[in-house]
Amino acid sequence: VQLVESGGALVQPGSSLRLSCVASGFTFSRNVMTWYRQAAGKERELVALILSDGGGTSYADSVKGRFTISRDNAKNTVYLQMNSLKLEDTAVYYCRVYNSAFWGQGTQVTVSS
């Protein structure tokens, strides 16, 4: 199993970013996928979840209305569209196969003025 995130960057508050996570080594279309984040000195937290067919999503309260998780099962890819970024969104963002030991290596998102 391999999960490779990309799209992290240094941006200003109010900006947008789209993270991608390309999956391989398992049947992507049959698995619930998640995005987590971990800020310096804090525990890793669940940001968003999407069902295997993309028909249902769930978000942490802190990102609801600003972030959108989506997936393209034909491309084995899950996305996280992040709008109206805030300073407190600064973290390393990871994708994970739901309820599994399979994590990506993470991509850094830094929001700074």
N, C-alpha and C. Protein backbone atom coordinates (compact mmCIF):
# COMPACT_ATOMS: atom_id res chain seq x y z
N VAL A 1 0.85 -1.19 0.00
CA VAL A 1 0.00 0.00 0.00
C VAL A 1 0.89 1.24 0.00
N GLN A 2 0.54 2.17 -0.86
CA GLN A 2 1.28 3.43 -0.90
C GLN A 2 0.28 4.58 -1.04
N LEU A 3 0.51 5.62 -0.23
CA LEU A 3 -0.29 6.83 -0.28
C LEU A 3 0.68 8.00 -0.41
N VAL A 4 0.53 8.80 -1.44
CA VAL A 4 1.45 9.90 -1.70
C VAL A 4 0.68 11.20 -1.78
N GLU A 5 0.90 12.05 -0.78
CA GLU A 5 0.24 13.35 -0.74
C GLU A 5 1.07 14.40 -1.47
N SER A 6 0.39 15.41 -1.96
CA SER A 6 1.06 16.55 -2.58
C SER A 6 0.14 17.76 -2.49
N GLY A 7 0.70 18.92 -2.78
CA GLY A 7 -0.09 20.14 -2.83
C GLY A 7 0.11 21.10 -1.69
N GLY A 8 0.85 20.69 -0.67
CA GLY A 8 1.10 21.59 0.43
C GLY A 8 1.97 22.77 0.00
N ALA A 9 1.80 23.89 0.72
CA ALA A 9 2.54 25.09 0.36
C ALA A 9 2.47 26.10 1.49
N LEU A 10 3.22 27.19 1.31
CA LEU A 10 3.16 28.34 2.20
C LEU A 10 2.21 29.35 1.55
N VAL A 11 1.14 29.71 2.25
CA VAL A 11 0.15 30.62 1.70
C VAL A 11 -0.27 31.65 2.75
N GLN A 12 -0.92 32.69 2.27
CA GLN A 12 -1.41 33.73 3.18
C GLN A 12 -2.81 33.39 3.69
N PRO A 13 -3.21 33.95 4.81
CA PRO A 13 -4.58 33.73 5.30
C PRO A 13 -5.59 34.15 4.24
N GLY A 14 -6.66 33.37 4.14
CA GLY A 14 -7.69 33.63 3.14
C GLY A 14 -7.47 32.94 1.83
N SER A 15 -6.30 32.34 1.65
CA SER A 15 -5.97 31.66 0.39
C SER A 15 -6.63 30.28 0.32
N SER A 16 -6.46 29.67 -0.84
CA SER A 16 -6.98 28.32 -1.07
C SER A 16 -5.85 27.40 -1.51
N LEU A 17 -6.01 26.13 -1.19
CA LEU A 17 -5.09 25.08 -1.64
C LEU A 17 -5.88 23.83 -1.90
N ARG A 18 -5.37 22.99 -2.81
CA ARG A 18 -5.96 21.68 -3.00
C ARG A 18 -4.88 20.63 -2.80
N LEU A 19 -5.10 19.77 -1.83
CA LEU A 19 -4.21 18.65 -1.59
C LEU A 19 -4.69 17.43 -2.37
N SER A 20 -3.75 16.62 -2.79
CA SER A 20 -4.06 15.36 -3.47
C SER A 20 -3.36 14.22 -2.77
N CYS A 21 -3.97 13.06 -2.84
CA CYS A 21 -3.37 11.84 -2.29
C CYS A 21 -3.62 10.72 -3.30
N VAL A 22 -2.55 10.25 -3.91
CA VAL A 22 -2.64 9.17 -4.89
C VAL A 22 -2.37 7.85 -4.19
N ALA A 23 -3.27 6.92 -4.36
CA ALA A 23 -3.19 5.64 -3.67
C ALA A 23 -2.84 4.51 -4.63
N SER A 24 -2.16 3.51 -4.12
CA SER A 24 -1.85 2.32 -4.90
C SER A 24 -1.66 1.13 -3.97
N GLY A 25 -1.78 -0.06 -4.54
CA GLY A 25 -1.51 -1.27 -3.76
C GLY A 25 -2.72 -1.86 -3.06
N PHE A 26 -3.88 -1.28 -3.28
CA PHE A 26 -5.10 -1.83 -2.71
C PHE A 26 -6.27 -1.35 -3.56
N THR A 27 -7.45 -1.89 -3.29
CA THR A 27 -8.63 -1.52 -4.07
C THR A 27 -9.21 -0.23 -3.52
N PHE A 28 -8.73 0.86 -4.09
CA PHE A 28 -9.08 2.19 -3.60
C PHE A 28 -10.59 2.41 -3.56
N SER A 29 -11.27 1.99 -4.60
CA SER A 29 -12.69 2.29 -4.73
C SER A 29 -13.56 1.60 -3.69
N ARG A 30 -13.00 0.68 -2.96
CA ARG A 30 -13.77 -0.05 -1.94
C ARG A 30 -13.50 0.46 -0.53
N ASN A 31 -12.66 1.50 -0.42
CA ASN A 31 -12.25 1.95 0.89
C ASN A 31 -12.66 3.38 1.21
N VAL A 32 -13.11 3.57 2.45
CA VAL A 32 -13.32 4.91 2.97
C VAL A 32 -11.95 5.56 3.13
N MET A 33 -11.88 6.83 2.77
CA MET A 33 -10.60 7.55 2.87
C MET A 33 -10.75 8.76 3.78
N THR A 34 -9.65 9.13 4.41
CA THR A 34 -9.67 10.23 5.35
C THR A 34 -8.47 11.15 5.16
N TRP A 35 -8.63 12.37 5.60
CA TRP A 35 -7.53 13.32 5.74
C TRP A 35 -7.41 13.67 7.23
N TYR A 36 -6.17 13.65 7.70
CA TYR A 36 -5.84 14.06 9.05
C TYR A 36 -4.86 15.22 8.96
N ARG A 37 -4.67 15.89 10.08
CA ARG A 37 -3.61 16.89 10.17
C ARG A 37 -3.01 16.87 11.56
N GLN A 38 -1.75 17.32 11.61
CA GLN A 38 -1.05 17.41 12.89
C GLN A 38 -0.26 18.70 12.93
N ALA A 39 -0.64 19.56 13.83
CA ALA A 39 0.08 20.80 14.04
C ALA A 39 1.20 20.55 15.04
N ALA A 40 2.20 21.39 15.01
CA ALA A 40 3.35 21.23 15.91
C ALA A 40 2.90 21.23 17.36
N GLY A 41 3.32 20.21 18.10
CA GLY A 41 2.99 20.14 19.51
C GLY A 41 1.58 19.66 19.82
N LYS A 42 0.84 19.27 18.78
CA LYS A 42 -0.54 18.84 19.00
C LYS A 42 -0.74 17.42 18.48
N GLU A 43 -1.82 16.80 18.92
CA GLU A 43 -2.14 15.47 18.47
C GLU A 43 -2.70 15.51 17.04
N ARG A 44 -2.53 14.41 16.34
CA ARG A 44 -3.08 14.30 15.00
C ARG A 44 -4.61 14.26 15.11
N GLU A 45 -5.28 14.99 14.23
CA GLU A 45 -6.74 15.04 14.29
C GLU A 45 -7.36 14.74 12.93
N LEU A 46 -8.53 14.13 12.98
CA LEU A 46 -9.28 13.83 11.77
C LEU A 46 -9.90 15.12 11.22
N VAL A 47 -9.66 15.37 9.95
CA VAL A 47 -10.17 16.57 9.30
C VAL A 47 -11.41 16.27 8.47
N ALA A 48 -11.34 15.19 7.66
CA ALA A 48 -12.45 14.89 6.75
C ALA A 48 -12.42 13.42 6.38
N LEU A 49 -13.60 12.93 6.01
CA LEU A 49 -13.78 11.52 5.64
C LEU A 49 -14.71 11.46 4.45
N ILE A 50 -14.46 10.50 3.57
CA ILE A 50 -15.35 10.32 2.43
C ILE A 50 -15.60 8.83 2.21
N LEU A 51 -16.85 8.48 1.97
CA LEU A 51 -17.20 7.08 1.75
C LEU A 51 -16.63 6.58 0.42
N SER A 52 -16.63 5.27 0.28
CA SER A 52 -15.94 4.66 -0.85
C SER A 52 -16.48 5.12 -2.20
N ASP A 53 -17.79 5.37 -2.27
CA ASP A 53 -18.38 5.80 -3.54
C ASP A 53 -18.50 7.31 -3.63
N GLY A 54 -17.97 8.01 -2.64
CA GLY A 54 -18.03 9.47 -2.63
C GLY A 54 -19.39 10.01 -2.24
N GLY A 55 -20.30 9.13 -1.84
CA GLY A 55 -21.66 9.55 -1.58
C GLY A 55 -21.89 10.19 -0.23
N GLY A 56 -20.92 10.12 0.63
CA GLY A 56 -21.08 10.73 1.95
C GLY A 56 -19.76 11.27 2.45
N THR A 57 -19.82 12.38 3.15
CA THR A 57 -18.62 13.02 3.69
C THR A 57 -18.89 13.48 5.12
N SER A 58 -17.82 13.70 5.84
CA SER A 58 -17.91 14.21 7.20
C SER A 58 -16.70 15.09 7.47
N TYR A 59 -16.88 16.13 8.30
CA TYR A 59 -15.82 17.09 8.55
C TYR A 59 -15.70 17.42 10.03
N ALA A 60 -14.48 17.77 10.42
CA ALA A 60 -14.28 18.35 11.73
C ALA A 60 -14.98 19.71 11.78
N ASP A 61 -15.48 20.06 12.95
CA ASP A 61 -16.17 21.34 13.08
C ASP A 61 -15.28 22.52 12.68
N SER A 62 -13.99 22.40 12.93
CA SER A 62 -13.06 23.49 12.69
C SER A 62 -12.89 23.81 11.20
N VAL A 63 -13.26 22.87 10.32
CA VAL A 63 -13.07 23.09 8.88
C VAL A 63 -14.37 23.07 8.11
N LYS A 64 -15.46 22.77 8.77
CA LYS A 64 -16.75 22.65 8.10
C LYS A 64 -17.10 23.96 7.40
N GLY A 65 -17.52 23.87 6.15
CA GLY A 65 -17.85 25.04 5.37
C GLY A 65 -16.68 25.66 4.64
N ARG A 66 -15.47 25.24 4.98
CA ARG A 66 -14.27 25.78 4.30
C ARG A 66 -13.53 24.72 3.50
N PHE A 67 -13.54 23.48 3.99
CA PHE A 67 -12.82 22.39 3.33
C PHE A 67 -13.82 21.44 2.66
N THR A 68 -13.40 20.86 1.55
CA THR A 68 -14.22 19.88 0.84
C THR A 68 -13.35 18.68 0.47
N ILE A 69 -13.78 17.50 0.88
CA ILE A 69 -13.10 16.28 0.50
C ILE A 69 -13.83 15.68 -0.70
N SER A 70 -13.06 15.15 -1.63
CA SER A 70 -13.64 14.50 -2.80
C SER A 70 -12.70 13.40 -3.26
N ARG A 71 -13.16 12.61 -4.20
CA ARG A 71 -12.32 11.52 -4.68
C ARG A 71 -12.64 11.23 -6.13
N ASP A 72 -11.65 10.66 -6.81
CA ASP A 72 -11.81 10.20 -8.18
C ASP A 72 -11.35 8.75 -8.18
N ASN A 73 -12.28 7.83 -8.16
CA ASN A 73 -11.91 6.42 -8.06
C ASN A 73 -11.23 5.92 -9.33
N ALA A 74 -11.45 6.57 -10.44
CA ALA A 74 -10.77 6.19 -11.68
C ALA A 74 -9.29 6.54 -11.63
N LYS A 75 -8.95 7.53 -10.81
CA LYS A 75 -7.55 7.97 -10.68
C LYS A 75 -6.94 7.55 -9.35
N ASN A 76 -7.69 6.78 -8.55
CA ASN A 76 -7.19 6.36 -7.23
C ASN A 76 -6.68 7.55 -6.41
N THR A 77 -7.43 8.61 -6.42
CA THR A 77 -6.99 9.85 -5.80
C THR A 77 -8.09 10.43 -4.92
N VAL A 78 -7.68 10.91 -3.75
CA VAL A 78 -8.57 11.65 -2.87
C VAL A 78 -8.01 13.06 -2.73
N TYR A 79 -8.91 14.02 -2.69
CA TYR A 79 -8.53 15.43 -2.66
C TYR A 79 -9.05 16.11 -1.39
N LEU A 80 -8.38 17.19 -1.04
CA LEU A 80 -8.89 18.06 0.02
C LEU A 80 -8.77 19.49 -0.48
N GLN A 81 -9.91 20.08 -0.83
CA GLN A 81 -9.94 21.48 -1.24
C GLN A 81 -10.08 22.33 0.02
N MET A 82 -9.15 23.22 0.22
CA MET A 82 -9.13 24.05 1.43
C MET A 82 -9.27 25.50 1.03
N ASN A 83 -10.34 26.11 1.45
CA ASN A 83 -10.60 27.52 1.16
C ASN A 83 -10.57 28.35 2.44
N SER A 84 -10.43 29.65 2.27
CA SER A 84 -10.44 30.56 3.43
C SER A 84 -9.50 30.08 4.53
N LEU A 85 -8.29 29.77 4.14
CA LEU A 85 -7.32 29.21 5.09
C LEU A 85 -7.02 30.20 6.21
N LYS A 86 -6.85 29.64 7.41
CA LYS A 86 -6.55 30.41 8.60
C LYS A 86 -5.18 30.02 9.14
N LEU A 87 -4.65 30.89 9.99
CA LEU A 87 -3.35 30.59 10.60
C LEU A 87 -3.38 29.23 11.30
N GLU A 88 -4.49 28.92 11.93
CA GLU A 88 -4.60 27.68 12.70
C GLU A 88 -4.75 26.43 11.83
N ASP A 89 -4.81 26.59 10.53
CA ASP A 89 -4.82 25.43 9.63
C ASP A 89 -3.40 24.94 9.34
N THR A 90 -2.40 25.67 9.82
CA THR A 90 -1.03 25.25 9.62
C THR A 90 -0.79 23.89 10.27
N ALA A 91 -0.32 22.94 9.48
CA ALA A 91 -0.11 21.57 9.96
C ALA A 91 0.48 20.73 8.84
N VAL A 92 0.90 19.53 9.21
CA VAL A 92 1.19 18.51 8.21
C VAL A 92 -0.10 17.74 7.97
N TYR A 93 -0.46 17.60 6.72
CA TYR A 93 -1.70 16.93 6.34
C TYR A 93 -1.38 15.55 5.79
N TYR A 94 -2.12 14.56 6.29
CA TYR A 94 -1.91 13.17 5.92
C TYR A 94 -3.20 12.57 5.37
N CYS A 95 -3.07 11.70 4.40
CA CYS A 95 -4.22 10.88 4.04
C CYS A 95 -4.03 9.49 4.65
N ARG A 96 -5.13 8.85 4.89
CA ARG A 96 -5.13 7.56 5.55
C ARG A 96 -6.29 6.73 5.04
N VAL A 97 -6.04 5.46 4.85
CA VAL A 97 -7.14 4.53 4.60
C VAL A 97 -7.87 4.38 5.92
N TYR A 98 -9.16 4.61 5.90
CA TYR A 98 -9.94 4.65 7.14
C TYR A 98 -9.70 3.43 8.03
N ASN A 99 -9.47 3.72 9.29
CA ASN A 99 -9.35 2.66 10.30
C ASN A 99 -8.29 1.63 9.93
N SER A 100 -7.17 2.11 9.41
CA SER A 100 -6.09 1.20 9.02
C SER A 100 -4.76 1.76 9.47
N ALA A 101 -3.73 0.96 9.26
CA ALA A 101 -2.37 1.39 9.58
C ALA A 101 -1.70 2.09 8.41
N PHE A 102 -2.45 2.33 7.34
CA PHE A 102 -1.86 2.87 6.11
C PHE A 102 -2.02 4.39 6.05
N TRP A 103 -0.88 5.07 6.14
CA TRP A 103 -0.81 6.52 6.11
C TRP A 103 0.14 6.96 5.01
N GLY A 104 -0.10 8.17 4.50
CA GLY A 104 0.88 8.78 3.62
C GLY A 104 1.98 9.42 4.44
N GLN A 105 2.94 10.02 3.72
CA GLN A 105 4.09 10.63 4.40
C GLN A 105 3.81 12.05 4.87
N GLY A 106 2.72 12.63 4.38
CA GLY A 106 2.32 13.96 4.80
C GLY A 106 2.79 15.05 3.86
N THR A 107 2.05 16.16 3.85
CA THR A 107 2.43 17.34 3.08
C THR A 107 2.19 18.56 3.97
N GLN A 108 3.17 19.46 3.98
CA GLN A 108 3.14 20.61 4.90
C GLN A 108 2.29 21.74 4.31
N VAL A 109 1.36 22.21 5.13
CA VAL A 109 0.59 23.41 4.81
C VAL A 109 0.91 24.46 5.86
N THR A 110 1.40 25.60 5.40
CA THR A 110 1.73 26.69 6.31
C THR A 110 0.95 27.92 5.88
N VAL A 111 0.18 28.44 6.82
CA VAL A 111 -0.60 29.65 6.56
C VAL A 111 0.02 30.76 7.40
N SER A 112 0.54 31.76 6.72
CA SER A 112 1.25 32.81 7.42
C SER A 112 1.13 34.12 6.66
N SER A 113 1.06 35.21 7.42
CA SER A 113 1.02 36.53 6.79
C SER A 113 2.42 37.14 6.73
